[in-house]
Structure formats: C-alpha cells, structure tokens
Amino acid sequence: MGDEQLQKIIMFERGLGLESTGVVVSLHEDYSSYVEFIDKLKEYPFLEMSKPGSFLINLDDEVRYRPLTLSALANHVLQMKEKKE
C-alpha cells in the first residue's frame, strides 16, 4: 500500500465485535477515494476483507453531536491513566 493510502488511516487495530476481529478508521475526501482505499485493502489476504463494513460520515453536515478530536482522545487517555494511579 502506498504512502498516500496509508496516510488515510488514522486507526488500525485488532479487536472483537460485529463479527470482526479488527477495525480500520480512515478519512477520505469523497466516496470514490473511499472505494479505491477499500479495493487496495482487499489486495492483502491477511486482512480478510471478504465482508467490509462501512459507516460514512459527512463532515460538512451542519448537525454535529460530538465529533472525534485528538484533544478529546488525549483527555480520555489522561483520565484513564489517572484512574489507574
């Protein structure tokens, strides 16, 4: 996968849920960019992309509830760390 495709990934982790064992979170300019990205992921047999699931968000939508921000993630990590100490 080229650097351009890798830059679209903001999270790539193993886990469990929704009949899957991993998750990829990525950002794309438009739907065609997203489709190209999914096609590239399918080229890697170890990813088992036989049934990719998608949830698309329009970042230009005027109604926003709680968008993902790096500061929100950082605050969450700090709070979890403080609870452990």
Protein backbone atom coordinates (compact mmCIF):
# COMPACT_ATOMS: atom_id res chain seq x y z
CA MET A 1 0.00 0.00 0.00
CA GLY A 2 1.46 3.37 -0.95
CA ASP A 3 2.09 6.28 1.40
CA GLU A 4 -0.94 8.12 0.03
CA GLN A 5 -3.24 5.25 1.06
CA LEU A 6 -1.53 4.81 4.45
CA GLN A 7 -2.00 8.49 5.29
CA LYS A 8 -5.77 7.99 5.14
CA ILE A 9 -5.63 5.51 8.06
CA ILE A 10 -5.98 7.12 11.49
CA MET A 11 -6.51 3.87 13.41
CA PHE A 12 -5.76 0.22 12.53
CA GLU A 13 -6.28 -2.21 15.44
CA ARG A 14 -7.18 -5.80 16.28
CA GLY A 15 -10.22 -6.44 18.45
CA LEU A 16 -13.59 -8.16 18.63
CA GLY A 17 -17.11 -7.13 17.73
CA LEU A 18 -19.69 -7.01 14.95
CA GLU A 19 -18.43 -10.40 13.74
CA SER A 20 -14.98 -8.91 13.08
CA THR A 21 -11.52 -9.18 14.59
CA GLY A 22 -10.22 -5.74 13.68
CA VAL A 23 -11.05 -2.20 12.70
CA VAL A 24 -9.62 0.39 10.33
CA VAL A 25 -10.65 4.02 10.75
CA SER A 26 -9.76 6.21 7.80
CA LEU A 27 -10.55 9.62 6.34
CA HIS A 28 -11.38 10.22 2.66
CA GLU A 29 -12.11 13.28 0.55
CA ASP A 30 -15.00 11.65 -1.29
CA TYR A 31 -16.72 8.34 -1.96
CA SER A 32 -14.52 7.40 -4.92
CA SER A 33 -11.41 7.85 -2.76
CA TYR A 34 -13.01 5.56 -0.16
CA VAL A 35 -13.81 2.87 -2.76
CA GLU A 36 -10.23 3.00 -4.07
CA PHE A 37 -8.95 2.59 -0.49
CA ILE A 38 -11.18 -0.46 0.16
CA ASP A 39 -10.05 -2.03 -3.11
CA LYS A 40 -6.41 -1.59 -2.03
CA LEU A 41 -7.11 -3.20 1.37
CA LYS A 42 -8.65 -6.21 -0.37
CA GLU A 43 -5.28 -6.87 -2.04
CA TYR A 44 -3.85 -8.02 1.32
CA PRO A 45 -5.05 -11.60 2.02
CA PHE A 46 -4.17 -11.45 5.74
CA LEU A 47 -6.79 -8.68 6.24
CA GLU A 48 -9.69 -10.98 5.26
CA MET A 49 -11.73 -8.18 3.73
CA SER A 50 -14.44 -10.53 2.49
CA LYS A 51 -17.14 -8.54 4.27
CA PRO A 52 -16.01 -4.96 4.93
CA GLY A 53 -18.42 -2.84 6.92
CA SER A 54 -18.71 0.87 6.46
CA PHE A 55 -20.10 3.85 8.28
CA LEU A 56 -19.79 7.05 6.30
CA ILE A 57 -19.96 10.49 7.92
CA ASN A 58 -20.44 13.79 6.11
CA LEU A 59 -18.06 16.15 7.92
CA ASP A 60 -19.80 19.13 6.27
CA ASP A 61 -23.14 18.28 7.89
CA GLU A 62 -24.48 21.23 9.92
CA VAL A 63 -25.82 18.95 12.68
CA ARG A 64 -22.93 17.61 14.76
CA TYR A 65 -23.19 15.80 18.09
CA ARG A 66 -19.69 15.08 19.31
CA PRO A 67 -17.09 14.90 16.56
CA LEU A 68 -13.85 12.99 17.01
CA THR A 69 -10.98 15.25 18.04
CA LEU A 70 -7.45 14.44 19.09
CA SER A 71 -7.85 16.59 22.21
CA ALA A 72 -10.89 14.54 23.28
CA LEU A 73 -8.87 11.34 22.82
CA ALA A 74 -5.92 12.78 24.76
CA ASN A 75 -8.18 13.86 27.63
CA HIS A 76 -9.77 10.42 27.76
CA VAL A 77 -6.36 8.69 27.89
CA LEU A 78 -5.19 11.03 30.67
CA GLN A 79 -8.34 10.40 32.70
CA MET A 80 -7.97 6.64 32.35
CA LYS A 81 -4.32 6.89 33.38
CA GLU A 82 -5.23 8.92 36.48
CA LYS A 83 -7.83 6.32 37.50
CA LYS A 84 -5.17 3.58 37.41
CA GLU A 85 -2.75 5.52 39.63
